Protein backbone atom coordinates (compact mmCIF):
# COMPACT_ATOMS: atom_id res chain seq x y z
CA MET A 1 0.07 0.11 -0.10
CA SER A 2 1.32 3.31 -0.90
CA HIS A 3 0.54 6.88 0.11
CA VAL A 4 1.49 10.28 -2.04
CA VAL A 5 2.46 13.14 0.17
CA GLY A 6 3.48 16.19 -1.74
CA ARG A 7 6.14 14.54 -4.29
CA VAL A 8 7.23 11.63 -2.30
CA THR A 9 5.67 8.36 -2.45
CA TRP A 10 5.59 6.30 0.80
CA ARG A 11 4.84 2.47 0.74
CA SER A 12 3.86 0.11 3.78
CA GLU A 13 5.85 -2.91 4.61
CA ARG A 14 4.39 -4.39 7.71
CA GLY A 15 3.60 -1.25 9.45
CA VAL A 16 6.84 0.72 8.49
CA TYR A 17 6.35 3.61 5.89
CA ARG A 18 9.35 4.50 3.78
CA ARG A 19 9.96 6.90 1.23
CA ASN A 20 10.52 5.04 -2.13
CA GLY A 21 14.00 4.48 -2.92
CA ALA A 22 15.19 5.55 0.44
CA GLY A 23 16.58 3.42 3.45
CA SER A 24 17.77 6.02 5.77
CA SER A 25 16.51 5.86 9.40
CA ARG A 26 15.61 9.72 9.10
CA ASP A 27 12.84 8.75 6.67
CA GLU A 28 11.53 5.59 8.63
CA ARG A 29 8.38 5.94 10.67
CA ARG A 30 7.09 3.02 13.04
CA MET A 31 3.50 2.79 13.27
CA THR A 32 3.59 -0.19 15.96
CA ASN A 33 4.34 -0.55 19.65
CA ASP A 34 7.03 -3.18 20.87
CA GLY A 35 5.54 -3.73 24.19
CA PHE A 36 3.00 -2.69 26.99
CA THR A 37 2.59 0.37 29.22
CA LEU A 38 2.92 0.34 33.04
CA VAL A 39 -0.56 1.53 32.93
CA GLU A 40 -1.68 -1.47 30.74
CA LEU A 41 -0.17 -3.94 33.01
CA ILE A 42 -1.53 -2.45 35.99
CA ILE A 43 -5.00 -2.75 34.64
CA VAL A 44 -4.59 -6.35 33.56
CA LEU A 45 -3.38 -7.36 36.86
CA ALA A 46 -6.39 -5.46 38.74
CA ILE A 47 -8.83 -7.38 36.34
CA VAL A 48 -6.89 -10.79 37.01
CA THR A 49 -7.26 -9.85 40.86
CA LEU A 50 -10.98 -9.23 40.94
CA VAL A 51 -11.52 -12.57 38.69
CA LEU A 52 -9.76 -14.56 41.26
CA GLY A 53 -11.18 -12.83 44.11
CA PHE A 54 -14.56 -13.86 43.10
CA SER A 55 -13.70 -17.47 41.82
CA ILE A 56 -11.79 -18.59 44.97
CA PRO A 57 -15.07 -19.08 47.20
CA TRP A 58 -16.61 -20.90 44.48
CA PHE A 59 -13.63 -23.49 44.28
CA SER A 60 -13.81 -23.84 47.92
CA GLN A 61 -17.25 -24.74 47.84
CA LEU A 62 -16.76 -27.10 45.01
CA SER A 63 -13.92 -28.71 46.83
CA SER A 64 -15.98 -29.43 50.09
CA GLY A 65 -18.60 -30.82 47.82
CA HIS A 66 -16.10 -33.45 46.33
CA ARG A 67 -14.54 -34.00 49.72
CA LEU A 68 -18.07 -35.12 51.08
CA LYS A 69 -18.71 -37.57 47.95
CA ALA A 70 -15.54 -39.14 48.09
CA ALA A 71 -16.02 -39.61 51.97
CA ALA A 72 -19.37 -41.27 51.29
CA ARG A 73 -18.12 -43.73 48.72
CA GLU A 74 -15.16 -44.56 50.89
CA VAL A 75 -17.70 -45.54 53.55
CA SER A 76 -19.92 -47.39 50.93
CA GLY A 77 -16.60 -49.24 49.87
CA VAL A 78 -15.77 -50.30 53.39
CA LEU A 79 -19.30 -51.66 53.86
CA GLN A 80 -18.83 -53.74 50.37
CA VAL A 81 -15.56 -54.91 51.61
CA ALA A 82 -16.85 -56.12 55.04
CA ARG A 83 -19.87 -58.00 52.93
CA SER A 84 -17.26 -59.38 50.82
CA TYR A 85 -15.36 -60.84 53.93
CA ALA A 86 -18.49 -62.22 55.29
CA ILE A 87 -19.38 -64.08 52.06
CA SER A 88 -15.74 -65.62 51.36
CA LEU A 89 -14.97 -66.51 54.70
CA GLY A 90 -18.39 -67.86 55.60
CA GLN A 91 -18.58 -65.77 58.87
CA ARG A 92 -20.18 -62.58 60.14
CA HIS A 93 -18.13 -59.24 59.51
CA ASP A 94 -19.37 -55.85 61.27
CA VAL A 95 -18.63 -52.39 60.38
CA VAL A 96 -18.18 -50.29 63.52
CA PHE A 97 -18.60 -46.39 63.54
CA GLU A 98 -17.17 -44.20 66.21
CA VAL A 99 -19.67 -41.30 65.89
CA THR A 100 -19.56 -39.48 69.03
CA GLY A 101 -16.63 -37.79 70.70
CA SER A 102 -15.16 -34.34 72.12
CA SER A 103 -12.40 -32.33 70.33
CA SER A 104 -10.04 -34.52 72.67
CA ASN A 105 -11.43 -37.77 71.30
CA ALA A 106 -9.45 -38.37 68.11
CA SER A 107 -11.58 -41.48 67.33
CA ALA A 108 -14.71 -39.67 66.71
CA GLY A 109 -15.26 -40.13 62.71
CA ARG A 110 -13.42 -43.42 62.43
CA TYR A 111 -14.96 -46.64 61.32
CA TYR A 112 -13.35 -50.13 60.81
CA ILE A 113 -14.22 -53.82 59.94
CA GLU A 114 -14.40 -56.43 62.63
CA ASP A 115 -14.58 -60.06 62.27
CA ALA A 116 -17.06 -62.50 64.39
CA SER A 117 -14.35 -62.81 67.31
CA GLY A 118 -14.09 -58.84 67.49
CA ALA A 119 -10.74 -58.47 65.74
CA ILE A 120 -10.10 -55.59 63.62
CA VAL A 121 -9.48 -57.03 60.07
CA GLU A 122 -8.28 -53.70 58.63
CA LYS A 123 -6.87 -50.65 59.51
CA PRO A 124 -9.46 -48.21 60.92
CA PHE A 125 -10.52 -45.52 58.52
CA ALA A 126 -11.03 -41.88 59.41
CA LEU A 127 -13.18 -39.23 57.59
CA PRO A 128 -11.19 -36.31 56.01
CA SER A 129 -11.07 -32.96 57.68
CA GLY A 130 -14.29 -30.92 57.28
CA VAL A 131 -16.41 -34.14 57.15
CA SER A 132 -18.12 -35.84 60.04
CA PHE A 133 -20.88 -38.18 60.86
CA ALA A 134 -24.02 -35.98 61.22
CA ALA A 135 -27.54 -36.35 60.05
CA PRO A 136 -29.67 -33.26 58.66
CA GLU A 137 -32.34 -31.52 60.92
CA GLY A 138 -35.19 -33.90 61.87
CA GLU A 139 -33.48 -37.21 60.56
CA GLY A 140 -32.01 -38.34 64.00
CA ASP A 141 -29.21 -40.29 64.58
CA PRO A 142 -26.22 -40.07 61.72
CA VAL A 143 -25.89 -44.02 62.04
CA THR A 144 -29.09 -45.86 62.59
CA PHE A 145 -27.50 -49.23 63.07
CA GLU A 146 -28.00 -50.46 66.41
CA GLY A 147 -24.96 -49.83 68.63
CA ASP A 148 -23.35 -47.92 65.69
CA ARG A 149 -22.54 -51.13 63.79
CA ILE A 150 -23.80 -53.00 60.84
CA SER A 151 -23.36 -56.87 60.72
CA PHE A 152 -23.39 -58.84 57.58
CA SER A 153 -24.02 -62.62 57.50
CA SER A 154 -22.05 -65.45 55.84
CA THR A 155 -24.60 -65.13 52.73
CA GLY A 156 -23.99 -61.36 52.36
CA ALA A 157 -27.27 -59.91 53.69
CA GLY A 158 -27.14 -57.20 56.29
CA LEU A 159 -28.37 -58.42 59.52
CA GLU A 160 -30.41 -55.08 59.64
CA GLY A 161 -30.87 -52.40 57.06
CA GLY A 162 -29.96 -48.82 57.78
CA THR A 163 -28.27 -45.54 56.97
CA VAL A 164 -25.10 -43.64 57.53
CA TRP A 165 -25.40 -39.99 57.29
CA VAL A 166 -22.00 -38.14 56.31
CA ALA A 167 -22.01 -34.21 56.58
CA GLY A 168 -20.05 -31.72 54.68
CA GLY A 169 -19.37 -27.90 55.13
CA ARG A 170 -22.46 -25.72 54.06
CA GLY A 171 -25.19 -28.21 55.04
CA GLN A 172 -24.30 -30.59 52.64
CA PHE A 173 -25.08 -34.38 53.36
CA SER A 174 -24.76 -37.76 51.87
CA ARG A 175 -26.60 -40.80 52.88
CA VAL A 176 -25.24 -44.25 52.67
CA SER A 177 -27.95 -46.80 52.71
CA VAL A 178 -27.54 -50.46 53.29
CA SER A 179 -30.26 -52.86 52.32
CA GLU A 180 -31.46 -55.41 55.06
CA VAL A 181 -32.18 -58.29 52.56
CA THR A 182 -29.06 -57.94 49.99
CA GLY A 183 -26.63 -55.90 51.89
CA GLN A 184 -26.14 -53.81 48.85
CA THR A 185 -25.30 -50.30 49.62
CA LYS A 186 -26.34 -46.98 47.96
CA VAL A 187 -24.89 -43.66 48.06
CA GLU A 188 -27.14 -40.60 47.63
CA MET A 189 -26.61 -36.69 48.11
CA TRP A 190 -29.09 -35.06 50.43
CA PRO A 191 -31.43 -33.02 49.72
């Protein structure tokens, strides 16, 4: 592209205008910038800071929801392992929940598998921080099995059906249900 100014013709090559036939630096004009100004950088940093400021609480809530779902799935998995032990070894196995406790009682929020003799079969499991055994308002006890334990017979059936409630932050709950007839577990978010 070229422009005529007076008797001199200027042609464009990538934003640089030069006079025809001339290559001296005096005749060159730059039409582009090679960087950002300090003001532009400060504005971009301010925008990024605002976006992060609004998104961090959202990510925090998302994280607590994932922690709750993972804890409920782990409780369900331990129940299924106890059922498998009962079937494969041909003897009753229990899952025991340690629900209550004060802040000085480190065992609150733990659960483990016992065999028929009362020996702990696997290491005790613990709920992650920010997650506890607690039921929503009006639902009663967080573990509805008698004595806070569920027993599986050698056929895999639960000796009683019931529910384990797992609570996360911000009023989120998961319900892990055990069928009395089949011993199968089901995990549901609540409400």
